[in-house]
Protein backbone atom coordinates (compact mmCIF):
# COMPACT_ATOMS: atom_id res chain seq x y z
CA MET A 1 -1.47 10.68 -0.25
CA ARG A 2 -4.06 12.48 1.57
CA SER A 3 -4.40 12.14 5.13
CA GLY A 4 -6.78 13.30 8.09
CA LYS A 5 -6.73 13.67 11.42
CA ASN A 6 -8.08 9.71 11.99
CA ASN A 7 -5.20 7.79 10.79
CA SER A 8 -6.73 4.53 12.22
CA TYR A 9 -9.56 2.69 10.56
CA MET A 10 -11.60 -0.23 12.01
CA GLY A 11 -13.51 -2.84 9.97
CA LYS A 12 -15.26 -6.29 11.06
CA GLN A 13 -13.23 -9.27 11.28
CA GLU A 14 -14.12 -12.85 10.88
CA ASN A 15 -11.09 -14.51 11.71
CA THR A 16 -9.13 -14.26 14.50
CA ILE A 17 -5.98 -14.52 12.79
CA LEU A 18 -6.02 -12.96 9.56
CA LEU A 19 -3.61 -14.06 6.24
CA GLU A 20 -2.20 -11.36 3.51
CA SER A 21 -4.79 -11.93 1.51
CA GLN A 22 -7.43 -11.55 3.75
CA ILE A 23 -5.50 -8.11 4.91
CA VAL A 24 -4.79 -6.88 1.43
CA ASN A 25 -8.76 -7.52 0.59
CA LEU A 26 -9.60 -5.63 3.96
CA ILE A 27 -7.42 -2.64 3.31
CA SER A 28 -8.72 -2.41 -0.25
CA GLU A 29 -12.31 -2.35 0.87
CA ARG A 30 -11.48 0.41 2.66
CA PHE A 31 -10.43 2.55 0.28
CA LYS A 32 -13.08 1.69 -2.23
CA GLU A 33 -15.02 4.06 0.39
CA SER A 34 -12.78 7.35 -1.51
CA SER A 35 -12.13 8.11 -4.88
CA LEU A 36 -8.93 6.88 -5.05
CA LEU A 37 -9.01 3.18 -7.89
CA ILE A 38 -8.02 0.24 -6.94
CA GLU A 39 -6.00 -2.86 -8.12
CA ASN A 40 -5.18 -5.49 -5.81
CA ASN A 41 -2.12 -8.40 -6.34
CA LEU A 42 -0.97 -6.43 -9.60
CA ARG A 43 1.19 -9.26 -11.26
CA PHE A 44 3.96 -8.47 -14.22
CA THR A 45 6.65 -10.56 -15.63
CA PHE A 46 9.48 -8.38 -14.23
CA ALA A 47 7.11 -7.17 -10.64
CA GLU A 48 4.49 -8.11 -8.09
CA PHE A 49 2.52 -5.71 -5.98
CA ASP A 50 0.13 -6.06 -3.43
CA ILE A 51 -2.13 -3.00 -3.50
CA ILE A 52 -2.21 0.40 -6.18
CA LEU A 53 -3.86 3.19 -5.77
CA LEU A 54 -4.06 5.49 -8.57
CA ASP A 55 -5.44 8.95 -7.61
CA PRO A 56 -7.46 9.89 -10.73
CA LYS A 57 -7.68 13.76 -9.71
CA THR A 58 -3.32 14.29 -9.83
CA LEU A 59 -2.25 10.95 -11.14
CA SER A 60 -0.67 9.52 -8.02
CA LEU A 61 0.37 6.31 -7.45
CA VAL A 62 1.01 4.09 -4.41
CA ASN A 63 2.13 1.02 -3.86
CA ILE A 64 1.51 -0.92 -0.98
CA GLU A 65 3.13 -3.76 0.39
CA VAL A 66 1.42 -6.28 3.11
CA LYS A 67 3.45 -8.87 4.83
CA ARG A 68 2.83 -10.86 8.15
CA ASN A 69 6.22 -11.61 8.22
CA ASN A 70 9.82 -11.98 6.08
CA TRP A 71 10.81 -7.78 6.81
CA SER A 72 14.44 -8.19 4.64
CA LYS A 73 11.65 -8.88 1.60
CA LEU A 74 9.10 -6.23 2.47
CA TYR A 75 11.79 -3.97 2.66
CA GLU A 76 13.17 -4.37 -1.10
CA GLN A 77 9.23 -4.91 -2.17
CA ALA A 78 8.76 -1.59 -0.31
CA LEU A 79 12.00 -0.23 -2.40
CA ARG A 80 11.00 -1.41 -5.72
CA GLY A 81 7.46 -0.15 -5.41
CA LYS A 82 9.40 3.70 -5.33
CA LEU A 83 10.24 3.34 -8.61
CA PHE A 84 6.89 2.35 -9.90
CA CYS A 85 4.44 5.08 -7.66
CA HIS A 86 5.00 8.39 -6.57
CA TYR A 87 4.25 6.72 -3.05
CA SER A 88 5.13 3.22 -1.48
CA LEU A 89 3.83 2.02 2.03
CA VAL A 90 3.96 -0.75 4.18
CA ILE A 91 1.65 -2.59 6.15
CA ILE A 92 2.61 -4.87 8.73
CA PRO A 93 1.91 -6.63 12.47
CA TRP A 94 1.57 -4.32 15.70
CA PHE A 95 3.84 -6.97 17.32
CA ALA A 96 6.50 -6.10 14.69
CA LYS A 97 6.63 -2.86 16.35
CA GLU A 98 9.30 -4.65 18.73
CA LYS A 99 11.08 -6.60 16.51
CA ILE A 100 11.97 -4.07 13.39
CA SER A 101 13.30 -0.82 13.25
CA ILE A 102 11.54 1.83 11.04
CA ASP A 103 14.80 3.50 10.10
CA PHE A 104 15.27 1.84 6.90
CA PHE A 105 11.68 3.16 6.40
CA LYS A 106 11.63 6.61 7.35
CA HIS A 107 15.15 6.96 5.49
CA GLU A 108 14.10 6.11 2.25
CA GLY A 109 10.90 7.49 2.37
CA ILE A 110 8.59 4.57 2.72
CA GLY A 111 5.08 5.04 4.88
CA VAL A 112 4.74 2.30 7.61
CA VAL A 113 1.34 1.29 8.89
CA TYR A 114 0.91 -1.29 11.60
CA TYR A 115 -2.32 -3.18 11.77
CA LEU A 116 -3.72 -4.91 15.16
CA GLU A 117 -5.73 -8.17 14.80
CA ASN A 118 -8.28 -7.57 18.13
CA ASN A 119 -11.21 -9.56 18.97
CA ASN A 120 -14.08 -9.15 15.86
CA TYR A 121 -12.04 -6.06 14.55
CA PHE A 122 -8.82 -4.78 12.45
CA GLU A 123 -7.26 -1.78 13.15
CA LEU A 124 -4.65 0.13 10.83
CA LYS A 125 -2.79 2.65 12.69
CA LEU A 126 -0.10 4.80 10.70
CA GLU A 127 3.04 5.34 12.42
CA LEU A 128 5.28 6.56 9.40
CA HIS A 129 4.05 9.18 6.36
CA PRO A 130 5.38 8.40 2.73
CA ARG A 131 7.86 10.77 1.39
CA LYS A 132 7.16 11.76 -2.47
CA SER A 133 9.65 9.47 -4.38
CA GLU A 134 12.59 10.57 -5.99
CA THR A 135 13.82 7.60 -7.99
CA ILE A 136 10.41 6.47 -9.47
CA ASN A 137 10.87 5.33 -13.32
CA ARG A 138 9.11 7.37 -15.92
CA ASN A 139 8.61 4.23 -18.23
CA TYR A 140 7.33 2.05 -15.48
CA LYS A 141 4.99 4.89 -13.78
CA LYS A 142 3.47 4.49 -17.98
CA ILE A 143 2.95 1.21 -17.90
CA LEU A 144 0.67 1.56 -14.30
CA TYR A 145 -0.99 4.31 -15.81
CA LYS A 146 -2.08 2.39 -19.41
CA HIS A 147 -2.87 -0.19 -17.30
CA PHE A 148 -5.48 2.06 -14.90
CA SER A 149 -6.02 3.13 -18.34
CA ASN A 150 -7.25 -0.38 -19.82
CA LYS A 151 -9.68 -1.34 -16.87
CA TYR A 152 -10.65 1.69 -15.91
CA GLN A 153 -11.42 3.45 -19.55
CA ASP A 154 -13.83 6.17 -18.64
CA LEU A 155 -11.86 7.70 -15.60
CA VAL A 156 -8.12 7.75 -17.00
CA TYR A 157 -6.76 8.13 -19.68
CA ALA A 158 -3.00 7.19 -20.51
């Protein structure tokens, strides 16, 4: 996943407390400005993902899981994402910074991004860069490539 000097993003927010689905949509909108291909709420019989990004130039896959709470489930989902994708990230509220330790995520190479809902803005702050997964499963990765190929036929060939 590419990173630059500015690790935060500001965007308009209409409500004071966003639902997870609204956060997923805001994040996806941000990535639509890039050359990355995006899938929201991707569901298979054996796995569900909040956001999957594909860089068509490098064929790198990024799993992004969003949670307002239920940190143990988030950790499990991010670990599962490492089986399917090259990188795995979690996006959690700023207030969670004081409630949970990111040591587990750091140990597993899972990136951590905090979000802050502040007045009319939604801000993302990268706290921990993800490491490339060493546990990615070739067959699972192929399933995601095939899905992107079916949707973005002109841009991805599986």
